[in-house]
Amino acid sequence: MGDHFKADIDQLGQFLKTLEGCVRDLNEARSALDHVRADQIGTSRLDEACDGFQERWKYGSEQTKEMIDAVSEGVKSNKKGYEEVEEALEKVLNHLAKSTSAKGDAK
């Protein structure tokens, strides 16, 4: 069974950085749009369309950020779990190696 499941902790860390970059990019894009006011663009019809887009973009980017944050928390939790398993396994294997070595020296 272990042959079919592998976790690369470094890849999980890289994935977390990518997710954090996505959130940062979304925030920067939304901030850039916040500075553009509808009355600076042109006709009243275009201004209304831009205002509508701003509201939908804000809502959508906030929802996307919440989803990315939830995925990030799950990945962080999994990464921590894998690290703890690796540390525990390393301790057990080191203990076994020392025990085996000590038994061989006693003979």
PDB file of N, CA and C in Angstrom:
ATOM      1  N   MET A   1       0.829  -1.203   0.000  1.00  0.00           N
ATOM      2  CA  MET A   1       0.000   0.000   0.000  1.00  0.00           C
ATOM      3  C   MET A   1       0.865   1.255   0.000  1.00  0.00           C
ATOM      4  N   GLY A   2       1.962   1.237   0.732  1.00  0.00           N
ATOM      5  CA  GLY A   2       2.834   2.404   0.802  1.00  0.00           C
ATOM      6  C   GLY A   2       3.463   2.763  -0.531  1.00  0.00           C
ATOM      7  N   ASP A   3       3.518   1.799  -1.455  1.00  0.00           N
ATOM      8  CA  ASP A   3       4.099   2.065  -2.769  1.00  0.00           C
ATOM      9  C   ASP A   3       3.243   3.006  -3.596  1.00  0.00           C
ATOM     10  N   HIS A   4       1.980   3.112  -3.253  1.00  0.00           N
ATOM     11  CA  HIS A   4       1.053   3.894  -4.074  1.00  0.00           C
ATOM     12  C   HIS A   4       0.807   5.301  -3.536  1.00  0.00           C
ATOM     13  N   PHE A   5       1.287   5.590  -2.349  1.00  0.00           N
ATOM     14  CA  PHE A   5       1.033   6.899  -1.754  1.00  0.00           C
ATOM     15  C   PHE A   5       2.344   7.513  -1.301  1.00  0.00           C
ATOM     16  N   LYS A   6       2.616   8.700  -1.814  1.00  0.00           N
ATOM     17  CA  LYS A   6       3.837   9.403  -1.439  1.00  0.00           C
ATOM     18  C   LYS A   6       3.502  10.873  -1.239  1.00  0.00           C
ATOM     19  N   ALA A   7       4.159  11.462  -0.267  1.00  0.00           N
ATOM     20  CA  ALA A   7       3.975  12.894  -0.020  1.00  0.00           C
ATOM     21  C   ALA A   7       5.343  13.557  -0.029  1.00  0.00           C
ATOM     22  N   ASP A   8       5.461  14.608  -0.798  1.00  0.00           N
ATOM     23  CA  ASP A   8       6.699  15.377  -0.864  1.00  0.00           C
ATOM     24  C   ASP A   8       6.494  16.644  -0.050  1.00  0.00           C
ATOM     25  N   ILE A   9       7.096  16.685   1.128  1.00  0.00           N
ATOM     26  CA  ILE A   9       6.899  17.808   2.053  1.00  0.00           C
ATOM     27  C   ILE A   9       7.385  19.112   1.433  1.00  0.00           C
ATOM     28  N   ASP A  10       8.489  19.054   0.704  1.00  0.00           N
ATOM     29  CA  ASP A  10       8.987  20.277   0.050  1.00  0.00           C
ATOM     30  C   ASP A  10       7.983  20.796  -0.979  1.00  0.00           C
ATOM     31  N   GLN A  11       7.334  19.879  -1.703  1.00  0.00           N
ATOM     32  CA  GLN A  11       6.322  20.292  -2.674  1.00  0.00           C
ATOM     33  C   GLN A  11       5.114  20.914  -1.975  1.00  0.00           C
ATOM     34  N   LEU A  12       4.747  20.373  -0.819  1.00  0.00           N
ATOM     35  CA  LEU A  12       3.647  20.972  -0.059  1.00  0.00           C
ATOM     36  C   LEU A  12       4.006  22.396   0.354  1.00  0.00           C
ATOM     37  N   GLY A  13       5.250  22.584   0.785  1.00  0.00           N
ATOM     38  CA  GLY A  13       5.705  23.937   1.141  1.00  0.00           C
ATOM     39  C   GLY A  13       5.661  24.879  -0.047  1.00  0.00           C
ATOM     40  N   GLN A  14       6.083  24.396  -1.208  1.00  0.00           N
ATOM     41  CA  GLN A  14       6.040  25.217  -2.422  1.00  0.00           C
ATOM     42  C   GLN A  14       4.603  25.545  -2.805  1.00  0.00           C
ATOM     43  N   PHE A  15       3.711  24.572  -2.650  1.00  0.00           N
ATOM     44  CA  PHE A  15       2.298  24.796  -2.944  1.00  0.00           C
ATOM     45  C   PHE A  15       1.731  25.884  -2.033  1.00  0.00           C
ATOM     46  N   LEU A  16       2.124  25.858  -0.758  1.00  0.00           N
ATOM     47  CA  LEU A  16       1.672  26.900   0.172  1.00  0.00           C
ATOM     48  C   LEU A  16       2.144  28.274  -0.289  1.00  0.00           C
ATOM     49  N   LYS A  17       3.395  28.369  -0.733  1.00  0.00           N
ATOM     50  CA  LYS A  17       3.917  29.656  -1.226  1.00  0.00           C
ATOM     51  C   LYS A  17       3.130  30.121  -2.447  1.00  0.00           C
ATOM     52  N   THR A  18       2.782  29.184  -3.317  1.00  0.00           N
ATOM     53  CA  THR A  18       2.000  29.524  -4.505  1.00  0.00           C
ATOM     54  C   THR A  18       0.623  30.052  -4.112  1.00  0.00           C
ATOM     55  N   LEU A  19      -0.026  29.366  -3.165  1.00  0.00           N
ATOM     56  CA  LEU A  19      -1.345  29.828  -2.696  1.00  0.00           C
ATOM     57  C   LEU A  19      -1.250  31.211  -2.063  1.00  0.00           C
ATOM     58  N   GLU A  20      -0.216  31.432  -1.258  1.00  0.00           N
ATOM     59  CA  GLU A  20      -0.034  32.746  -0.641  1.00  0.00           C
ATOM     60  C   GLU A  20       0.186  33.815  -1.699  1.00  0.00           C
ATOM     61  N   GLY A  21       0.916  33.467  -2.767  1.00  0.00           N
ATOM     62  CA  GLY A  21       1.127  34.400  -3.874  1.00  0.00           C
ATOM     63  C   GLY A  21      -0.179  34.728  -4.589  1.00  0.00           C
ATOM     64  N   CYS A  22      -1.051  33.734  -4.720  1.00  0.00           N
ATOM     65  CA  CYS A  22      -2.367  33.974  -5.346  1.00  0.00           C
ATOM     66  C   CYS A  22      -3.177  34.980  -4.539  1.00  0.00           C
ATOM     67  N   VAL A  23      -3.182  34.816  -3.224  1.00  0.00           N
ATOM     68  CA  VAL A  23      -3.924  35.740  -2.361  1.00  0.00           C
ATOM     69  C   VAL A  23      -3.332  37.144  -2.483  1.00  0.00           C
ATOM     70  N   ARG A  24      -2.014  37.227  -2.477  1.00  0.00           N
ATOM     71  CA  ARG A  24      -1.344  38.527  -2.595  1.00  0.00           C
ATOM     72  C   ARG A  24      -1.697  39.184  -3.934  1.00  0.00           C
ATOM     73  N   ASP A  25      -1.669  38.409  -5.020  1.00  0.00           N
ATOM     74  CA  ASP A  25      -1.998  38.950  -6.344  1.00  0.00           C
ATOM     75  C   ASP A  25      -3.449  39.430  -6.414  1.00  0.00           C
ATOM     76  N   LEU A  26      -4.367  38.650  -5.833  1.00  0.00           N
ATOM     77  CA  LEU A  26      -5.774  39.068  -5.805  1.00  0.00           C
ATOM     78  C   LEU A  26      -5.933  40.382  -5.051  1.00  0.00           C
ATOM     79  N   ASN A  27      -5.281  40.490  -3.908  1.00  0.00           N
ATOM     80  CA  ASN A  27      -5.377  41.714  -3.110  1.00  0.00           C
ATOM     81  C   ASN A  27      -4.796  42.910  -3.861  1.00  0.00           C
ATOM     82  N   GLU A  28      -3.677  42.696  -4.542  1.00  0.00           N
ATOM     83  CA  GLU A  28      -3.065  43.790  -5.304  1.00  0.00           C
ATOM     84  C   GLU A  28      -3.966  44.235  -6.457  1.00  0.00           C
ATOM     85  N   ALA A  29      -4.564  43.267  -7.139  1.00  0.00           N
ATOM     86  CA  ALA A  29      -5.457  43.603  -8.261  1.00  0.00           C
ATOM     87  C   ALA A  29      -6.665  44.378  -7.757  1.00  0.00           C
ATOM     88  N   ARG A  30      -7.227  43.925  -6.643  1.00  0.00           N
ATOM     89  CA  ARG A  30      -8.395  44.620  -6.102  1.00  0.00           C
ATOM     90  C   ARG A  30      -8.016  46.017  -5.629  1.00  0.00           C
ATOM     91  N   SER A  31      -6.856  46.155  -5.010  1.00  0.00           N
ATOM     92  CA  SER A  31      -6.405  47.470  -4.551  1.00  0.00           C
ATOM     93  C   SER A  31      -6.198  48.412  -5.732  1.00  0.00           C
ATOM     94  N   ALA A  32      -5.646  47.890  -6.813  1.00  0.00           N
ATOM     95  CA  ALA A  32      -5.422  48.728  -7.997  1.00  0.00           C
ATOM     96  C   ALA A  32      -6.741  49.226  -8.554  1.00  0.00           C
ATOM     97  N   LEU A  33      -7.762  48.381  -8.548  1.00  0.00           N
ATOM     98  CA  LEU A  33      -9.068  48.788  -9.068  1.00  0.00           C
ATOM     99  C   LEU A  33      -9.780  49.754  -8.120  1.00  0.00           C
ATOM    100  N   ASP A  34      -9.476  49.686  -6.831  1.00  0.00           N
ATOM    101  CA  ASP A  34     -10.116  50.587  -5.872  1.00  0.00           C
ATOM    102  C   ASP A  34      -9.806  52.049  -6.162  1.00  0.00           C
ATOM    103  N   HIS A  35      -8.652  52.306  -6.774  1.00  0.00           N
ATOM    104  CA  HIS A  35      -8.245  53.687  -7.028  1.00  0.00           C
ATOM    105  C   HIS A  35      -8.900  54.281  -8.270  1.00  0.00           C
ATOM    106  N   VAL A  36      -9.505  53.437  -9.071  1.00  0.00           N
ATOM    107  CA  VAL A  36     -10.168  53.915 -10.289  1.00  0.00           C
ATOM    108  C   VAL A  36     -11.636  54.164  -9.963  1.00  0.00           C
ATOM    109  N   ARG A  37     -12.057  55.367 -10.115  1.00  0.00           N
ATOM    110  CA  ARG A  37     -13.446  55.736  -9.850  1.00  0.00           C
ATOM    111  C   ARG A  37     -14.212  55.741 -11.163  1.00  0.00           C
ATOM    112  N   ALA A  38     -15.456  55.389 -11.070  1.00  0.00           N
ATOM    113  CA  ALA A  38     -16.294  55.292 -12.267  1.00  0.00           C
ATOM    114  C   ALA A  38     -16.390  56.629 -12.993  1.00  0.00           C
ATOM    115  N   ASP A  39     -16.420  57.726 -12.270  1.00  0.00           N
ATOM    116  CA  ASP A  39     -16.578  59.026 -12.923  1.00  0.00           C
ATOM    117  C   ASP A  39     -15.327  59.455 -13.685  1.00  0.00           C
ATOM    118  N   GLN A  40     -14.268  58.668 -13.604  1.00  0.00           N
ATOM    119  CA  GLN A  40     -13.043  58.973 -14.339  1.00  0.00           C
ATOM    120  C   GLN A  40     -12.984  58.259 -15.688  1.00  0.00           C
ATOM    121  N   ILE A  41     -13.935  57.389 -15.949  1.00  0.00           N
ATOM    122  CA  ILE A  41     -13.824  56.519 -17.112  1.00  0.00           C
ATOM    123  C   ILE A  41     -14.496  57.098 -18.360  1.00  0.00           C
ATOM    124  N   GLY A  42     -15.712  57.603 -18.226  1.00  0.00           N
ATOM    125  CA  GLY A  42     -16.347  58.114 -19.446  1.00  0.00           C
ATOM    126  C   GLY A  42     -17.831  58.333 -19.288  1.00  0.00           C
ATOM    127  N   THR A  43     -18.604  57.734 -20.182  1.00  0.00           N
ATOM    128  CA  THR A  43     -20.035  57.950 -20.206  1.00  0.00           C
ATOM    129  C   THR A  43     -20.705  57.370 -18.963  1.00  0.00           C
ATOM    130  N   SER A  44     -21.914  57.836 -18.663  1.00  0.00           N
ATOM    131  CA  SER A  44     -22.623  57.360 -17.473  1.00  0.00           C
ATOM    132  C   SER A  44     -22.917  55.864 -17.582  1.00  0.00           C
ATOM    133  N   ARG A  45     -23.219  55.400 -18.780  1.00  0.00           N
ATOM    134  CA  ARG A  45     -23.487  53.971 -18.970  1.00  0.00           C
ATOM    135  C   ARG A  45     -22.234  53.128 -18.706  1.00  0.00           C
ATOM    136  N   LEU A  46     -21.092  53.603 -19.190  1.00  0.00           N
ATOM    137  CA  LEU A  46     -19.824  52.920 -18.946  1.00  0.00           C
ATOM    138  C   LEU A  46     -19.472  52.994 -17.456  1.00  0.00           C
ATOM    139  N   ASP A  47     -19.727  54.141 -16.849  1.00  0.00           N
ATOM    140  CA  ASP A  47     -19.471  54.298 -15.413  1.00  0.00           C
ATOM    141  C   ASP A  47     -20.284  53.301 -14.594  1.00  0.00           C
ATOM    142  N   GLU A  48     -21.554  53.132 -14.943  1.00  0.00           N
ATOM    143  CA  GLU A  48     -22.415  52.176 -14.229  1.00  0.00           C
ATOM    144  C   GLU A  48     -21.914  50.743 -14.414  1.00  0.00           C
ATOM    145  N   ALA A  49     -21.508  50.431 -15.620  1.00  0.00           N
ATOM    146  CA  ALA A  49     -20.991  49.087 -15.889  1.00  0.00           C
ATOM    147  C   ALA A  49     -19.720  48.837 -15.090  1.00  0.00           C
ATOM    148  N   CYS A  50     -18.878  49.839 -15.009  1.00  0.00           N
ATOM    149  CA  CYS A  50     -17.633  49.693 -14.247  1.00  0.00           C
ATOM    150  C   CYS A  50     -17.915  49.546 -12.751  1.00  0.00           C
ATOM    151  N   ASP A  51     -18.873  50.309 -12.251  1.00  0.00           N
ATOM    152  CA  ASP A  51     -19.249  50.168 -10.841  1.00  0.00           C
ATOM    153  C   ASP A  51     -19.764  48.753 -10.553  1.00  0.00           C
ATOM    154  N   GLY A  52     -20.595  48.236 -11.451  1.00  0.00           N
ATOM    155  CA  GLY A  52     -21.104  46.873 -11.290  1.00  0.00           C
ATOM    156  C   GLY A  52     -19.980  45.848 -11.305  1.00  0.00           C
ATOM    157  N   PHE A  53     -19.053  46.046 -12.222  1.00  0.00           N
ATOM    158  CA  PHE A  53     -17.917  45.131 -12.292  1.00  0.00           C
ATOM    159  C   PHE A  53     -17.096  45.192 -11.012  1.00  0.00           C
ATOM    160  N   GLN A  54     -16.859  46.405 -10.511  1.00  0.00           N
ATOM    161  CA  GLN A  54     -16.084  46.573  -9.268  1.00  0.00           C
ATOM    162  C   GLN A  54     -16.718  45.782  -8.138  1.00  0.00           C
ATOM    163  N   GLU A  55     -18.034  45.862  -8.009  1.00  0.00           N
ATOM    164  CA  GLU A  55     -18.728  45.157  -6.928  1.00  0.00           C
ATOM    165  C   GLU A  55     -18.622  43.644  -7.101  1.00  0.00           C
ATOM    166  N   ARG A  56     -18.843  43.167  -8.324  1.00  0.00           N
ATOM    167  CA  ARG A  56     -18.747  41.720  -8.575  1.00  0.00           C
ATOM    168  C   ARG A  56     -17.320  41.233  -8.386  1.00  0.00           C
ATOM    169  N   TRP A  57     -16.357  42.011  -8.855  1.00  0.00           N
ATOM    170  CA  TRP A  57     -14.950  41.642  -8.708  1.00  0.00           C
ATOM    171  C   TRP A  57     -14.587  41.578  -7.228  1.00  0.00           C
ATOM    172  N   LYS A  58     -15.009  42.547  -6.460  1.00  0.00           N
ATOM    173  CA  LYS A  58     -14.705  42.565  -5.028  1.00  0.00           C
ATOM    174  C   LYS A  58     -15.297  41.326  -4.355  1.00  0.00           C
ATOM    175  N   TYR A  59     -16.559  41.048  -4.630  1.00  0.00           N
ATOM    176  CA  TYR A  59     -17.213  39.892  -4.026  1.00  0.00           C
ATOM    177  C   TYR A  59     -16.516  38.592  -4.455  1.00  0.00           C
ATOM    178  N   GLY A  60     -16.279  38.450  -5.750  1.00  0.00           N
ATOM    179  CA  GLY A  60     -15.640  37.236  -6.265  1.00  0.00           C
ATOM    180  C   GLY A  60     -14.235  37.042  -5.726  1.00  0.00           C
ATOM    181  N   SER A  61     -13.466  38.111  -5.652  1.00  0.00           N
ATOM    182  CA  SER A  61     -12.090  37.973  -5.155  1.00  0.00           C
ATOM    183  C   SER A  61     -12.081  37.662  -3.667  1.00  0.00           C
ATOM    184  N   GLU A  62     -13.040  38.199  -2.924  1.00  0.00           N
ATOM    185  CA  GLU A  62     -13.131  37.865  -1.492  1.00  0.00           C
ATOM    186  C   GLU A  62     -13.501  36.392  -1.310  1.00  0.00           C
ATOM    187  N   GLN A  63     -14.436  35.897  -2.128  1.00  0.00           N
ATOM    188  CA  GLN A  63     -14.812  34.485  -2.051  1.00  0.00           C
ATOM    189  C   GLN A  63     -13.633  33.585  -2.427  1.00  0.00           C
ATOM    190  N   THR A  64     -12.911  33.965  -3.470  1.00  0.00           N
ATOM    191  CA  THR A  64     -11.743  33.194  -3.898  1.00  0.00           C
ATOM    192  C   THR A  64     -10.682  33.179  -2.812  1.00  0.00           C
ATOM    193  N   LYS A  65     -10.462  34.321  -2.176  1.00  0.00           N
ATOM    194  CA  LYS A  65      -9.479  34.396  -1.087  1.00  0.00           C
ATOM    195  C   LYS A  65      -9.879  33.469   0.055  1.00  0.00           C
ATOM    196  N   GLU A  66     -11.147  33.453   0.406  1.00  0.00           N
ATOM    197  CA  GLU A  66     -11.605  32.565   1.479  1.00  0.00           C
ATOM    198  C   GLU A  66     -11.347  31.100   1.131  1.00  0.00           C
ATOM    199  N   MET A  67     -11.596  30.731  -0.115  1.00  0.00           N
ATOM    200  CA  MET A  67     -11.358  29.349  -0.541  1.00  0.00           C
ATOM    201  C   MET A  67      -9.863  29.015  -0.515  1.00  0.00           C
ATOM    202  N   ILE A  68      -9.048  29.945  -1.000  1.00  0.00           N
ATOM    203  CA  ILE A  68      -7.600  29.726  -0.995  1.00  0.00           C
ATOM    204  C   ILE A  68      -7.099  29.613   0.440  1.00  0.00           C
ATOM    205  N   ASP A  69      -7.610  30.455   1.331  1.00  0.00           N
ATOM    206  CA  ASP A  69      -7.216  30.382   2.741  1.00  0.00           C
ATOM    207  C   ASP A  69      -7.576  29.030   3.345  1.00  0.00           C
ATOM    208  N   ALA A  70      -8.751  28.518   3.015  1.00  0.00           N
ATOM    209  CA  ALA A  70      -9.181  27.212   3.536  1.00  0.00           C
ATOM    210  C   ALA A  70      -8.273  26.097   3.016  1.00  0.00           C
ATOM    211  N   VAL A  71      -7.949  26.138   1.725  1.00  0.00           N
ATOM    212  CA  VAL A  71      -7.044  25.132   1.161  1.00  0.00           C
ATOM    213  C   VAL A  71      -5.666  25.249   1.812  1.00  0.00           C
ATOM    214  N   SER A  72      -5.199  26.470   2.002  1.00  0.00           N
ATOM    215  CA  SER A  72      -3.893  26.689   2.631  1.00  0.00           C
ATOM    216  C   SER A  72      -3.838  26.091   4.030  1.00  0.00           C
ATOM    217  N   GLU A  73      -4.880  26.296   4.796  1.00  0.00           N
ATOM    218  CA  GLU A  73      -4.913  25.739   6.146  1.00  0.00           C
ATOM    219  C   GLU A  73      -4.855  24.216   6.114  1.00  0.00           C
ATOM    220  N   GLY A  74      -5.582  23.612   5.189  1.00  0.00           N
ATOM    221  CA  GLY A  74      -5.549  22.160   5.054  1.00  0.00           C
ATOM    222  C   GLY A  74      -4.172  21.654   4.659  1.00  0.00           C
ATOM    223  N   VAL A  75      -3.532  22.340   3.714  1.00  0.00           N
ATOM    224  CA  VAL A  75      -2.195  21.933   3.277  1.00  0.00           C
ATOM    225  C   VAL A  75      -1.194  22.116   4.412  1.00  0.00           C
ATOM    226  N   LYS A  76      -1.292  23.220   5.154  1.00  0.00           N
ATOM    227  CA  LYS A  76      -0.390  23.440   6.299  1.00  0.00           C
ATOM    228  C   LYS A  76      -0.545  22.322   7.321  1.00  0.00           C
ATOM    229  N   SER A  77      -1.772  21.963   7.602  1.00  0.00           N
ATOM    230  CA  SER A  77      -2.050  20.907   8.571  1.00  0.00           C
ATOM    231  C   SER A  77      -1.474  19.573   8.093  1.00  0.00           C
ATOM    232  N   ASN A  78      -1.685  19.258   6.824  1.00  0.00           N
ATOM    233  CA  ASN A  78      -1.144  18.013   6.274  1.00  0.00           C
ATOM    234  C   ASN A  78       0.375  18.018   6.275  1.00  0.00           C
ATOM    235  N   LYS A  79       0.965  19.135   5.890  1.00  0.00           N
ATOM    236  CA  LYS A  79       2.432  19.248   5.868  1.00  0.00           C
ATOM    237  C   LYS A  79       2.985  19.016   7.270  1.00  0.00           C
ATOM    238  N   LYS A  80       2.375  19.639   8.257  1.00  0.00           N
ATOM    239  CA  LYS A  80       2.828  19.471   9.646  1.00  0.00           C
ATOM    240  C   LYS A  80       2.702  18.006  10.070  1.00  0.00           C
ATOM    241  N   GLY A  81       1.603  17.367   9.714  1.00  0.00           N
ATOM    242  CA  GLY A  81       1.404  15.960  10.043  1.00  0.00           C
ATOM    243  C   GLY A  81       2.469  15.066   9.418  1.00  0.00           C
ATOM    244  N   TYR A  82       2.777  15.296   8.145  1.00  0.00           N
ATOM    245  CA  TYR A  82       3.809  14.507   7.471  1.00  0.00           C
ATOM    246  C   TYR A  82       5.177  14.740   8.117  1.00  0.00           C
ATOM    247  N   GLU A  83       5.462  15.987   8.479  1.00  0.00           N
ATOM    248  CA  GLU A  83       6.737  16.278   9.131  1.00  0.00           C
ATOM    249  C   GLU A  83       6.843  15.555  10.478  1.00  0.00           C
ATOM    250  N   GLU A  84       5.747  15.555  11.228  1.00  0.00           N
ATOM    251  CA  GLU A  84       5.749  14.866  12.516  1.00  0.00           C
ATOM    252  C   GLU A  84       5.938  13.362  12.346  1.00  0.00           C
ATOM    253  N   VAL A  85       5.295  12.783  11.337  1.00  0.00           N
ATOM    254  CA  VAL A  85       5.454  11.351  11.073  1.00  0.00           C
ATOM    255  C   VAL A  85       6.904  11.046  10.688  1.00  0.00           C
ATOM    256  N   GLU A  86       7.482  11.876   9.823  1.00  0.00           N
ATOM    257  CA  GLU A  86       8.873  11.661   9.417  1.00  0.00           C
ATOM    258  C   GLU A  86       9.822  11.745  10.610  1.00  0.00           C
ATOM    259  N   GLU A  87       9.616  12.728  11.487  1.00  0.00           N
ATOM    260  CA  GLU A  87      10.467  12.879  12.671  1.00  0.00           C
ATOM    261  C   GLU A  87      10.333  11.676  13.599  1.00  0.00           C
ATOM    262  N   ALA A  88       9.101  11.240  13.817  1.00  0.00           N
ATOM    263  CA  ALA A  88       8.873  10.082  14.689  1.00  0.00           C
ATOM    264  C   ALA A  88       9.488   8.827  14.091  1.00  0.00           C
ATOM    265  N   LEU A  89       9.328   8.650  12.795  1.00  0.00           N
ATOM    266  CA  LEU A  89       9.895   7.482  12.121  1.00  0.00           C
ATOM    267  C   LEU A  89      11.421   7.507  12.194  1.00  0.00           C
ATOM    268  N   GLU A  90      11.999   8.674  12.011  1.00  0.00           N
ATOM    269  CA  GLU A  90      13.460   8.807  12.095  1.00  0.00           C
ATOM    270  C   GLU A  90      13.951   8.437  13.496  1.00  0.00           C
ATOM    271  N   LYS A  91      13.251   8.889  14.530  1.00  0.00           N
ATOM    272  CA  LYS A  91      13.638   8.559  15.904  1.00  0.00           C
ATOM    273  C   LYS A  91      13.557   7.055  16.146  1.00  0.00           C
ATOM    274  N   VAL A  92      12.487   6.439  15.691  1.00  0.00           N
ATOM    275  CA  VAL A  92      12.319   4.994  15.879  1.00  0.00           C
ATOM    276  C   VAL A  92      13.415   4.223  15.140  1.00  0.00           C
ATOM    277  N   LEU A  93      13.681   4.607  13.902  1.00  0.00           N
ATOM    278  CA  LEU A  93      14.709   3.916  13.125  1.00  0.00           C
ATOM    279  C   LEU A  93      16.092   4.106  13.741  1.00  0.00           C
ATOM    280  N   ASN A  94      16.377   5.301  14.231  1.00  0.00           N
ATOM    281  CA  ASN A  94      17.658   5.537  14.914  1.00  0.00           C
ATOM    282  C   ASN A  94      17.755   4.692  16.176  1.00  0.00           C
ATOM    283  N   HIS A  95      16.678   4.608  16.929  1.00  0.00           N
ATOM    284  CA  HIS A  95      16.654   3.794  18.145  1.00  0.00           C
ATOM    285  C   HIS A  95      16.876   2.325  17.807  1.00  0.00           C
ATOM    286  N   LEU A  96      16.205   1.851  16.763  1.00  0.00           N
ATOM    287  CA  LEU A  96      16.384   0.462  16.341  1.00  0.00           C
ATOM    288  C   LEU A  96      17.820   0.203  15.889  1.00  0.00           C
ATOM    289  N   ALA A  97      18.379   1.135  15.156  1.00  0.00           N
ATOM    290  CA  ALA A  97      19.761   0.980  14.680  1.00  0.00           C
ATOM    291  C   ALA A  97      20.720   0.917  15.860  1.00  0.00           C
ATOM    292  N   LYS A  98      20.515   1.764  16.869  1.00  0.00           N
ATOM    293  CA  LYS A  98      21.380   1.751  18.054  1.00  0.00           C
ATOM    294  C   LYS A  98      21.193   0.453  18.834  1.00  0.00           C
ATOM    295  N   SER A  99      19.958   0.015  18.961  1.00  0.00           N
ATOM    296  CA  SER A  99      19.686  -1.242  19.675  1.00  0.00           C
ATOM    297  C   SER A  99      20.337  -2.428  18.980  1.00  0.00           C
ATOM    298  N   THR A 100      20.211  -2.471  17.663  1.00  0.00           N
ATOM    299  CA  THR A 100      20.799  -3.553  16.882  1.00  0.00           C
ATOM    300  C   THR A 100      22.324  -3.509  16.990  1.00  0.00           C
ATOM    301  N   SER A 101      22.875  -2.314  16.932  1.00  0.00           N
ATOM    302  CA  SER A 101      24.338  -2.144  17.037  1.00  0.00           C
ATOM    303  C   SER A 101      24.824  -2.563  18.411  1.00  0.00           C
ATOM    304  N   ALA A 102      24.090  -2.191  19.456  1.00  0.00           N
ATOM    305  CA  ALA A 102      24.467  -2.537  20.831  1.00  0.00           C
ATOM    306  C   ALA A 102      24.412  -4.048  21.038  1.00  0.00           C
ATOM    307  N   LYS A 103      23.433  -4.705  20.463  1.00  0.00           N
ATOM    308  CA  LYS A 103      23.326  -6.164  20.579  1.00  0.00           C
ATOM    309  C   LYS A 103      24.478  -6.845  19.855  1.00  0.00           C
ATOM    310  N   GLY A 104      24.865  -6.299  18.705  1.00  0.00           N
ATOM    311  CA  GLY A 104      25.989  -6.861  17.950  1.00  0.00           C
ATOM    312  C   GLY A 104      27.306  -6.670  18.679  1.00  0.00           C
ATOM    313  N   ASP A 105      27.464  -5.559  19.378  1.00  0.00           N
ATOM    314  CA  ASP A 105      28.677  -5.290  20.156  1.00  0.00           C
ATOM    315  C   ASP A 105      28.767  -6.172  21.379  1.00  0.00           C
ATOM    316  N   ALA A 106      27.642  -6.574  21.940  1.00  0.00           N
ATOM    317  CA  ALA A 106      27.604  -7.383  23.150  1.00  0.00           C
ATOM    318  C   ALA A 106      28.038  -8.814  22.864  1.00  0.00           C
ATOM    319  N   LYS A 107      27.947  -9.258  21.652  1.00  0.00           N
ATOM    320  CA  LYS A 107      28.304 -10.651  21.312  1.00  0.00           C
ATOM    321  C   LYS A 107      29.753 -10.813  21.292  1.00  0.00           C
TER     322      LYS A 107
END
